[in-house]
Amino acid sequence: MSGEKGGAPPSYPPQYGQPLQQPPPGYDSVPQYQPYGPPSGAPMYMYQGGHPHYQAQMSPGQTQVLVVPPPQTFSEPPPPDYMNRAIFTTICCFWPVGIFAIMKASEAKNAYARGDFLGAKSNSDSARRLSNIAIFAGVASIVVSMIIVGVYVGLIMTNMRSY
C-alpha cells in the first residue's frame, strides 16, 4: 500500500501536518498540504466541552499557550443597587414605578458583576431616582385620596344636617 517497500501503510484520513504517502493514480507528485487544521499553521484550541475528536492539533515543535486574563479588581466599591428601597416602594407606595425601580436595581447588580462599572453606576442612579418617584407618587396618591374622601364625607355630613 505504501510508496516504499516495507513501509507502514498510510493512515486514513491523513493526519494533520503529514503529506500523503502515495500519489493517487495518474498523478506524478503528491500535493503538499495539511488536510486538517487551521490555515497558516495557527494552533487550533480545544472546545471546552471536551469532545474527544476536537483536540488541539499542532505541528511538532509548536507550544500551545493559553492566555488567561487576570481577575478584574475595581478600585471603587460597587455602587448601591437600591434593591431594598425599590421593593419597599413597589409594595407600599406606587407599584407601577416600583417595578421599573426593581428592574434597574437588578441591572445595576448584573452590570457590576460583568465588570461594567459605569453601567452599574448609571443603573444604580436610575433605580434611586425611580424609587424616589415611586415614594413621591405614593405619598401624593394617599394625600389626594384623603382629600377626596374628606370632601365626600363632608358633603354627606352637610346633607345629613339639612334633613
N, C-alpha and C. Protein backbone atom coordinates (compact mmCIF):
# COMPACT_ATOMS: atom_id res chain seq x y z
N MET A 1 0.80 -1.18 0.00
CA MET A 1 0.00 0.00 0.00
C MET A 1 0.85 1.25 0.00
N SER A 2 1.94 1.24 0.65
CA SER A 2 2.78 2.42 0.76
C SER A 2 3.63 2.56 -0.49
N GLY A 3 4.13 3.80 -0.74
CA GLY A 3 5.00 4.06 -1.87
C GLY A 3 6.36 3.42 -1.67
N GLU A 4 6.72 3.08 -0.47
CA GLU A 4 8.00 2.46 -0.19
C GLU A 4 7.76 1.00 0.18
N LYS A 5 8.73 0.18 -0.16
CA LYS A 5 8.60 -1.23 0.20
C LYS A 5 8.92 -1.40 1.67
N GLY A 6 8.10 -2.14 2.36
CA GLY A 6 8.34 -2.42 3.76
C GLY A 6 7.88 -1.30 4.69
N GLY A 7 7.37 -0.20 4.14
CA GLY A 7 6.92 0.91 4.98
C GLY A 7 5.52 0.65 5.51
N ALA A 8 5.12 1.42 6.48
CA ALA A 8 3.79 1.29 7.05
C ALA A 8 2.76 1.82 6.06
N PRO A 9 1.57 1.23 6.04
CA PRO A 9 0.54 1.74 5.13
C PRO A 9 0.11 3.14 5.57
N PRO A 10 -0.30 3.97 4.64
CA PRO A 10 -0.72 5.33 5.00
C PRO A 10 -1.99 5.27 5.85
N SER A 11 -2.06 6.14 6.81
CA SER A 11 -3.24 6.18 7.66
C SER A 11 -4.34 6.98 6.96
N TYR A 12 -5.55 6.57 7.20
CA TYR A 12 -6.67 7.30 6.63
C TYR A 12 -7.57 7.73 7.76
N PRO A 13 -7.99 8.92 7.83
CA PRO A 13 -7.63 10.04 6.99
C PRO A 13 -6.22 10.52 7.31
N PRO A 14 -5.60 11.26 6.40
CA PRO A 14 -4.25 11.75 6.66
C PRO A 14 -4.24 12.62 7.92
N GLN A 15 -3.20 12.52 8.70
CA GLN A 15 -3.10 13.27 9.94
C GLN A 15 -2.61 14.69 9.65
N TYR A 16 -2.90 15.58 10.56
CA TYR A 16 -2.51 16.97 10.45
C TYR A 16 -0.99 17.08 10.33
N GLY A 17 -0.54 17.82 9.34
CA GLY A 17 0.88 18.06 9.17
C GLY A 17 1.62 16.97 8.42
N GLN A 18 0.95 15.92 7.98
CA GLN A 18 1.62 14.84 7.26
C GLN A 18 1.15 14.85 5.80
N PRO A 19 2.10 14.84 4.84
CA PRO A 19 1.68 14.77 3.44
C PRO A 19 1.20 13.36 3.11
N LEU A 20 0.50 13.24 2.01
CA LEU A 20 0.06 11.93 1.56
C LEU A 20 1.28 11.08 1.23
N GLN A 21 1.24 9.79 1.53
CA GLN A 21 2.38 8.91 1.32
C GLN A 21 2.47 8.40 -0.11
N GLN A 22 1.35 8.24 -0.77
CA GLN A 22 1.36 7.66 -2.10
C GLN A 22 0.47 8.52 -3.00
N PRO A 23 1.00 8.93 -4.17
CA PRO A 23 0.17 9.76 -5.04
C PRO A 23 -0.97 8.94 -5.63
N PRO A 24 -2.11 9.58 -5.84
CA PRO A 24 -3.22 8.87 -6.49
C PRO A 24 -2.82 8.46 -7.90
N PRO A 25 -3.47 7.45 -8.45
CA PRO A 25 -3.11 7.02 -9.81
C PRO A 25 -3.30 8.16 -10.81
N GLY A 26 -2.34 8.34 -11.68
CA GLY A 26 -2.40 9.36 -12.71
C GLY A 26 -1.74 10.66 -12.33
N TYR A 27 -1.20 10.77 -11.14
CA TYR A 27 -0.54 11.99 -10.70
C TYR A 27 0.94 11.69 -10.50
N ASP A 28 1.78 12.69 -10.81
CA ASP A 28 3.21 12.49 -10.68
C ASP A 28 3.71 12.83 -9.27
N SER A 29 3.11 13.81 -8.64
CA SER A 29 3.62 14.22 -7.33
C SER A 29 2.46 14.34 -6.34
N VAL A 30 2.83 14.33 -5.11
CA VAL A 30 1.84 14.44 -4.03
C VAL A 30 1.70 15.92 -3.67
N PRO A 31 0.49 16.43 -3.62
CA PRO A 31 0.34 17.82 -3.21
C PRO A 31 0.75 17.96 -1.73
N GLN A 32 1.52 18.96 -1.45
CA GLN A 32 1.98 19.19 -0.08
C GLN A 32 1.02 20.15 0.61
N TYR A 33 0.16 19.62 1.42
CA TYR A 33 -0.80 20.44 2.16
C TYR A 33 -1.12 19.74 3.47
N GLN A 34 -1.74 20.48 4.32
CA GLN A 34 -2.17 19.93 5.59
C GLN A 34 -3.69 19.80 5.52
N PRO A 35 -4.19 18.60 5.37
CA PRO A 35 -5.61 18.45 5.12
C PRO A 35 -6.51 18.84 6.29
N TYR A 36 -6.03 18.77 7.51
CA TYR A 36 -6.85 19.10 8.66
C TYR A 36 -6.11 20.13 9.49
N GLY A 37 -6.80 21.17 9.86
CA GLY A 37 -6.19 22.16 10.73
C GLY A 37 -6.39 23.56 10.21
N PRO A 38 -5.96 24.52 10.97
CA PRO A 38 -6.17 25.91 10.59
C PRO A 38 -5.19 26.35 9.52
N PRO A 39 -5.53 27.37 8.76
CA PRO A 39 -4.58 27.89 7.77
C PRO A 39 -3.43 28.60 8.46
N SER A 40 -2.36 28.74 7.79
CA SER A 40 -1.15 29.46 8.21
C SER A 40 -0.51 28.88 9.48
N GLY A 41 -0.77 27.65 9.80
CA GLY A 41 -0.09 27.00 10.91
C GLY A 41 -0.54 27.47 12.29
N ALA A 42 -1.63 28.22 12.38
CA ALA A 42 -2.10 28.67 13.69
C ALA A 42 -2.66 27.48 14.46
N PRO A 43 -2.43 27.42 15.76
CA PRO A 43 -2.93 26.28 16.54
C PRO A 43 -4.45 26.33 16.69
N MET A 44 -5.06 25.16 16.72
CA MET A 44 -6.48 25.07 17.00
C MET A 44 -6.63 24.81 18.49
N TYR A 45 -7.58 25.46 19.10
CA TYR A 45 -7.78 25.29 20.53
C TYR A 45 -8.94 24.35 20.78
N MET A 46 -8.84 23.61 21.85
CA MET A 46 -9.83 22.60 22.17
C MET A 46 -11.11 23.27 22.63
N TYR A 47 -12.21 22.73 22.17
CA TYR A 47 -13.52 23.17 22.62
C TYR A 47 -13.65 22.80 24.09
N GLN A 48 -14.15 23.72 24.90
CA GLN A 48 -14.17 23.49 26.34
C GLN A 48 -15.15 22.40 26.76
N GLY A 49 -16.06 22.00 25.85
CA GLY A 49 -17.00 20.94 26.18
C GLY A 49 -16.30 19.60 26.32
N GLY A 50 -15.13 19.46 25.74
CA GLY A 50 -14.34 18.26 25.92
C GLY A 50 -14.69 17.12 24.97
N HIS A 51 -15.19 17.40 23.78
CA HIS A 51 -15.49 16.35 22.83
C HIS A 51 -14.19 15.68 22.42
N PRO A 52 -14.10 14.35 22.41
CA PRO A 52 -12.81 13.69 22.20
C PRO A 52 -12.22 13.89 20.81
N HIS A 53 -13.03 14.22 19.81
CA HIS A 53 -12.49 14.37 18.46
C HIS A 53 -11.99 15.78 18.19
N TYR A 54 -12.33 16.72 19.04
CA TYR A 54 -11.90 18.10 18.83
C TYR A 54 -10.80 18.44 19.83
N GLN A 55 -9.60 18.01 19.54
CA GLN A 55 -8.48 18.28 20.42
C GLN A 55 -7.54 19.23 19.71
N ALA A 56 -6.69 19.87 20.48
CA ALA A 56 -5.73 20.81 19.90
C ALA A 56 -4.82 20.07 18.94
N GLN A 57 -4.68 20.61 17.74
CA GLN A 57 -3.84 19.98 16.73
C GLN A 57 -2.73 20.96 16.38
N MET A 58 -1.50 20.56 16.64
CA MET A 58 -0.37 21.43 16.37
C MET A 58 0.75 20.59 15.77
N SER A 59 1.55 21.26 14.99
CA SER A 59 2.69 20.55 14.40
C SER A 59 3.78 20.39 15.46
N PRO A 60 4.69 19.44 15.26
CA PRO A 60 5.76 19.23 16.24
C PRO A 60 6.59 20.49 16.44
N GLY A 61 6.91 20.77 17.65
CA GLY A 61 7.73 21.94 17.97
C GLY A 61 6.90 23.14 18.38
N GLN A 62 5.61 23.13 18.08
CA GLN A 62 4.77 24.25 18.49
C GLN A 62 4.33 24.07 19.94
N THR A 63 4.18 25.15 20.63
CA THR A 63 3.72 25.12 22.00
C THR A 63 2.40 25.87 22.08
N GLN A 64 1.45 25.25 22.71
CA GLN A 64 0.15 25.89 22.85
C GLN A 64 0.17 26.75 24.11
N VAL A 65 -0.19 28.02 23.95
CA VAL A 65 -0.22 28.94 25.08
C VAL A 65 -1.65 29.39 25.27
N LEU A 66 -2.15 29.21 26.45
CA LEU A 66 -3.49 29.65 26.79
C LEU A 66 -3.36 30.89 27.65
N VAL A 67 -3.87 32.00 27.16
CA VAL A 67 -3.76 33.27 27.88
C VAL A 67 -5.02 33.44 28.71
N VAL A 68 -4.85 33.55 30.00
CA VAL A 68 -5.96 33.75 30.93
C VAL A 68 -5.83 35.15 31.51
N PRO A 69 -6.85 36.00 31.31
CA PRO A 69 -6.74 37.35 31.86
C PRO A 69 -6.82 37.31 33.38
N PRO A 70 -6.16 38.26 34.03
CA PRO A 70 -6.22 38.29 35.49
C PRO A 70 -7.63 38.65 35.94
N PRO A 71 -8.00 38.24 37.13
CA PRO A 71 -9.34 38.59 37.61
C PRO A 71 -9.47 40.11 37.75
N GLN A 72 -10.67 40.60 37.44
CA GLN A 72 -10.87 42.04 37.48
C GLN A 72 -11.00 42.50 38.93
N THR A 73 -10.30 43.56 39.22
CA THR A 73 -10.44 44.19 40.52
C THR A 73 -10.77 45.65 40.28
N PHE A 74 -11.64 46.19 41.06
CA PHE A 74 -12.04 47.57 40.92
C PHE A 74 -11.49 48.36 42.08
N SER A 75 -11.08 49.59 41.79
CA SER A 75 -10.57 50.43 42.85
C SER A 75 -11.71 51.02 43.67
N GLU A 76 -12.90 51.02 43.11
CA GLU A 76 -14.05 51.58 43.81
C GLU A 76 -14.97 50.45 44.25
N PRO A 77 -15.67 50.65 45.37
CA PRO A 77 -16.64 49.63 45.79
C PRO A 77 -17.84 49.65 44.84
N PRO A 78 -18.63 48.59 44.82
CA PRO A 78 -19.78 48.59 43.92
C PRO A 78 -20.78 49.66 44.33
N PRO A 79 -21.43 50.27 43.35
CA PRO A 79 -22.44 51.28 43.70
C PRO A 79 -23.63 50.59 44.36
N PRO A 80 -24.33 51.29 45.25
CA PRO A 80 -25.50 50.67 45.88
C PRO A 80 -26.57 50.39 44.82
N ASP A 81 -27.24 49.26 44.93
CA ASP A 81 -28.22 48.92 43.90
C ASP A 81 -29.64 49.36 44.28
N TYR A 82 -29.88 49.74 45.52
CA TYR A 82 -31.18 50.24 45.98
C TYR A 82 -32.30 49.22 45.80
N MET A 83 -31.96 47.94 45.88
CA MET A 83 -32.98 46.90 45.70
C MET A 83 -34.00 46.92 46.84
N ASN A 84 -33.55 47.11 48.07
CA ASN A 84 -34.49 47.12 49.20
C ASN A 84 -35.48 48.28 49.08
N ARG A 85 -34.96 49.45 48.71
CA ARG A 85 -35.84 50.61 48.54
C ARG A 85 -36.82 50.37 47.40
N ALA A 86 -36.36 49.76 46.32
CA ALA A 86 -37.24 49.50 45.17
C ALA A 86 -38.35 48.52 45.54
N ILE A 87 -38.01 47.49 46.31
CA ILE A 87 -39.04 46.53 46.74
C ILE A 87 -40.04 47.20 47.68
N PHE A 88 -39.54 48.02 48.60
CA PHE A 88 -40.42 48.73 49.52
C PHE A 88 -41.39 49.63 48.76
N THR A 89 -40.87 50.40 47.79
CA THR A 89 -41.75 51.30 47.06
C THR A 89 -42.75 50.55 46.20
N THR A 90 -42.37 49.36 45.73
CA THR A 90 -43.31 48.57 44.94
C THR A 90 -44.46 48.07 45.81
N ILE A 91 -44.14 47.64 47.01
CA ILE A 91 -45.17 47.08 47.88
C ILE A 91 -45.99 48.18 48.56
N CYS A 92 -45.33 49.21 49.06
CA CYS A 92 -46.01 50.18 49.92
C CYS A 92 -46.42 51.48 49.25
N CYS A 93 -45.79 51.86 48.17
CA CYS A 93 -46.05 53.20 47.64
C CYS A 93 -46.79 53.16 46.31
N PHE A 94 -46.05 52.99 45.22
CA PHE A 94 -46.66 53.10 43.89
C PHE A 94 -46.03 52.02 43.02
N TRP A 95 -46.73 50.89 42.89
CA TRP A 95 -46.14 49.71 42.27
C TRP A 95 -45.79 49.86 40.79
N PRO A 96 -46.51 50.65 39.96
CA PRO A 96 -46.10 50.71 38.55
C PRO A 96 -44.68 51.24 38.36
N VAL A 97 -44.30 52.24 39.12
CA VAL A 97 -42.94 52.77 39.01
C VAL A 97 -41.97 51.89 39.80
N GLY A 98 -42.44 51.29 40.89
CA GLY A 98 -41.59 50.43 41.71
C GLY A 98 -41.06 49.22 40.95
N ILE A 99 -41.87 48.69 40.03
CA ILE A 99 -41.41 47.54 39.23
C ILE A 99 -40.21 47.93 38.38
N PHE A 100 -40.26 49.13 37.79
CA PHE A 100 -39.12 49.58 36.98
C PHE A 100 -37.90 49.86 37.87
N ALA A 101 -38.13 50.30 39.08
CA ALA A 101 -37.01 50.51 40.01
C ALA A 101 -36.34 49.18 40.35
N ILE A 102 -37.15 48.13 40.54
CA ILE A 102 -36.57 46.80 40.80
C ILE A 102 -35.75 46.33 39.60
N MET A 103 -36.26 46.55 38.39
CA MET A 103 -35.52 46.13 37.19
C MET A 103 -34.18 46.86 37.09
N LYS A 104 -34.17 48.16 37.35
CA LYS A 104 -32.92 48.93 37.28
C LYS A 104 -31.94 48.51 38.39
N ALA A 105 -32.46 48.19 39.56
CA ALA A 105 -31.59 47.73 40.65
C ALA A 105 -30.94 46.40 40.29
N SER A 106 -31.71 45.52 39.66
CA SER A 106 -31.17 44.23 39.23
C SER A 106 -30.12 44.42 38.13
N GLU A 107 -30.39 45.32 37.19
CA GLU A 107 -29.43 45.60 36.12
C GLU A 107 -28.14 46.20 36.68
N ALA A 108 -28.25 47.00 37.73
CA ALA A 108 -27.04 47.58 38.35
C ALA A 108 -26.16 46.48 38.93
N LYS A 109 -26.78 45.52 39.60
CA LYS A 109 -26.01 44.42 40.19
C LYS A 109 -25.36 43.56 39.10
N ASN A 110 -26.11 43.29 38.03
CA ASN A 110 -25.57 42.47 36.94
C ASN A 110 -24.46 43.20 36.19
N ALA A 111 -24.60 44.50 35.99
CA ALA A 111 -23.56 45.27 35.28
C ALA A 111 -22.26 45.27 36.07
N TYR A 112 -22.33 45.39 37.38
CA TYR A 112 -21.11 45.36 38.18
C TYR A 112 -20.46 43.98 38.13
N ALA A 113 -21.29 42.94 38.13
CA ALA A 113 -20.74 41.58 38.05
C ALA A 113 -20.05 41.34 36.72
N ARG A 114 -20.54 41.96 35.65
CA ARG A 114 -19.91 41.85 34.33
C ARG A 114 -18.63 42.65 34.23
N GLY A 115 -18.43 43.60 35.15
CA GLY A 115 -17.25 44.45 35.08
C GLY A 115 -17.55 45.82 34.49
N ASP A 116 -18.81 46.12 34.23
CA ASP A 116 -19.20 47.40 33.65
C ASP A 116 -19.54 48.35 34.78
N PHE A 117 -18.52 49.07 35.28
CA PHE A 117 -18.72 49.93 36.44
C PHE A 117 -19.59 51.13 36.09
N LEU A 118 -19.37 51.72 34.91
CA LEU A 118 -20.17 52.88 34.52
C LEU A 118 -21.64 52.52 34.32
N GLY A 119 -21.90 51.36 33.72
CA GLY A 119 -23.27 50.90 33.56
C GLY A 119 -23.92 50.62 34.91
N ALA A 120 -23.16 50.07 35.84
CA ALA A 120 -23.68 49.80 37.18
C ALA A 120 -24.03 51.10 37.88
N LYS A 121 -23.17 52.10 37.74
CA LYS A 121 -23.42 53.41 38.37
C LYS A 121 -24.66 54.06 37.76
N SER A 122 -24.79 53.98 36.45
CA SER A 122 -25.95 54.58 35.76
C SER A 122 -27.25 53.89 36.18
N ASN A 123 -27.25 52.57 36.20
CA ASN A 123 -28.46 51.83 36.61
C ASN A 123 -28.77 52.06 38.08
N SER A 124 -27.75 52.21 38.90
CA SER A 124 -27.96 52.48 40.32
C SER A 124 -28.64 53.83 40.51
N ASP A 125 -28.16 54.83 39.77
CA ASP A 125 -28.78 56.15 39.84
C ASP A 125 -30.23 56.11 39.35
N SER A 126 -30.49 55.34 38.30
CA SER A 126 -31.85 55.22 37.79
C SER A 126 -32.76 54.53 38.80
N ALA A 127 -32.25 53.50 39.48
CA ALA A 127 -33.05 52.80 40.49
C ALA A 127 -33.38 53.74 41.65
N ARG A 128 -32.41 54.55 42.07
CA ARG A 128 -32.66 55.51 43.15
C ARG A 128 -33.68 56.55 42.73
N ARG A 129 -33.53 57.06 41.51
CA ARG A 129 -34.45 58.07 41.01
C ARG A 129 -35.87 57.51 40.89
N LEU A 130 -36.00 56.31 40.34
CA LEU A 130 -37.32 55.71 40.20
C LEU A 130 -37.94 55.39 41.56
N SER A 131 -37.13 54.97 42.51
CA SER A 131 -37.65 54.71 43.86
C SER A 131 -38.17 55.99 44.49
N ASN A 132 -37.43 57.08 44.32
CA ASN A 132 -37.88 58.36 44.86
C ASN A 132 -39.17 58.82 44.19
N ILE A 133 -39.28 58.62 42.88
CA ILE A 133 -40.51 58.98 42.17
C ILE A 133 -41.68 58.14 42.69
N ALA A 134 -41.43 56.85 42.92
CA ALA A 134 -42.49 55.98 43.43
C ALA A 134 -42.93 56.41 44.83
N ILE A 135 -41.98 56.81 45.67
CA ILE A 135 -42.33 57.29 47.01
C ILE A 135 -43.17 58.57 46.91
N PHE A 136 -42.72 59.49 46.06
CA PHE A 136 -43.47 60.74 45.89
C PHE A 136 -44.86 60.47 45.33
N ALA A 137 -44.97 59.61 44.32
CA ALA A 137 -46.28 59.29 43.74
C ALA A 137 -47.17 58.59 44.75
N GLY A 138 -46.61 57.73 45.57
CA GLY A 138 -47.40 57.04 46.60
C GLY A 138 -47.93 57.99 47.65
N VAL A 139 -47.07 58.89 48.12
CA VAL A 139 -47.50 59.87 49.12
C VAL A 139 -48.54 60.81 48.51
N ALA A 140 -48.29 61.26 47.26
CA ALA A 140 -49.25 62.15 46.60
C ALA A 140 -50.59 61.47 46.40
N SER A 141 -50.59 60.18 46.02
CA SER A 141 -51.86 59.48 45.81
C SER A 141 -52.61 59.29 47.13
N ILE A 142 -51.89 59.08 48.22
CA ILE A 142 -52.55 58.96 49.53
C ILE A 142 -53.16 60.29 49.94
N VAL A 143 -52.40 61.38 49.73
CA VAL A 143 -52.92 62.70 50.10
C VAL A 143 -54.15 63.04 49.26
N VAL A 144 -54.08 62.79 47.94
CA VAL A 144 -55.22 63.07 47.07
C VAL A 144 -56.41 62.21 47.47
N SER A 145 -56.18 60.96 47.79
CA SER A 145 -57.27 60.07 48.22
C SER A 145 -57.90 60.56 49.51
N MET A 146 -57.08 61.02 50.44
CA MET A 146 -57.63 61.54 51.71
C MET A 146 -58.44 62.81 51.47
N ILE A 147 -58.00 63.66 50.58
CA ILE A 147 -58.75 64.88 50.28
C ILE A 147 -60.10 64.53 49.66
N ILE A 148 -60.09 63.59 48.71
CA ILE A 148 -61.34 63.19 48.06
C ILE A 148 -62.29 62.56 49.08
N VAL A 149 -61.79 61.69 49.92
CA VAL A 149 -62.64 61.06 50.94
C VAL A 149 -63.14 62.12 51.92
N GLY A 150 -62.28 63.06 52.31
CA GLY A 150 -62.70 64.13 53.23
C GLY A 150 -63.79 64.99 52.64
N VAL A 151 -63.65 65.36 51.37
CA VAL A 151 -64.69 66.16 50.70
C VAL A 151 -65.97 65.36 50.61
N TYR A 152 -65.89 64.13 50.28
CA TYR A 152 -67.08 63.28 50.15
C TYR A 152 -67.79 63.13 51.49
N VAL A 153 -67.03 62.85 52.55
CA VAL A 153 -67.63 62.72 53.88
C VAL A 153 -68.21 64.07 54.32
N GLY A 154 -67.52 65.15 54.02
CA GLY A 154 -68.04 66.48 54.37
C GLY A 154 -69.35 66.77 53.67
N LEU A 155 -69.46 66.42 52.42
CA LEU A 155 -70.71 66.63 51.69
C LEU A 155 -71.83 65.78 52.26
N ILE A 156 -71.52 64.56 52.64
CA ILE A 156 -72.53 63.68 53.23
C ILE A 156 -72.98 64.25 54.58
N MET A 157 -72.05 64.72 55.39
CA MET A 157 -72.40 65.26 56.70
C MET A 157 -73.24 66.54 56.55
N THR A 158 -72.91 67.37 55.55
CA THR A 158 -73.68 68.59 55.32
C THR A 158 -75.09 68.26 54.89
N ASN A 159 -75.23 67.28 54.03
CA ASN A 159 -76.57 66.88 53.57
C ASN A 159 -77.36 66.26 54.71
N MET A 160 -76.75 65.57 55.64
CA MET A 160 -77.47 64.95 56.75
C MET A 160 -77.97 66.01 57.73
N ARG A 161 -77.24 67.11 57.89
CA ARG A 161 -77.66 68.16 58.81
C ARG A 161 -78.88 68.92 58.28
N SER A 162 -78.96 68.98 56.96
CA SER A 162 -80.06 69.72 56.38
C SER A 162 -81.39 68.99 56.53
N TYR A 163 -81.39 67.72 56.81
CA TYR A 163 -82.65 66.97 56.97
C TYR A 163 -83.13 67.11 58.34
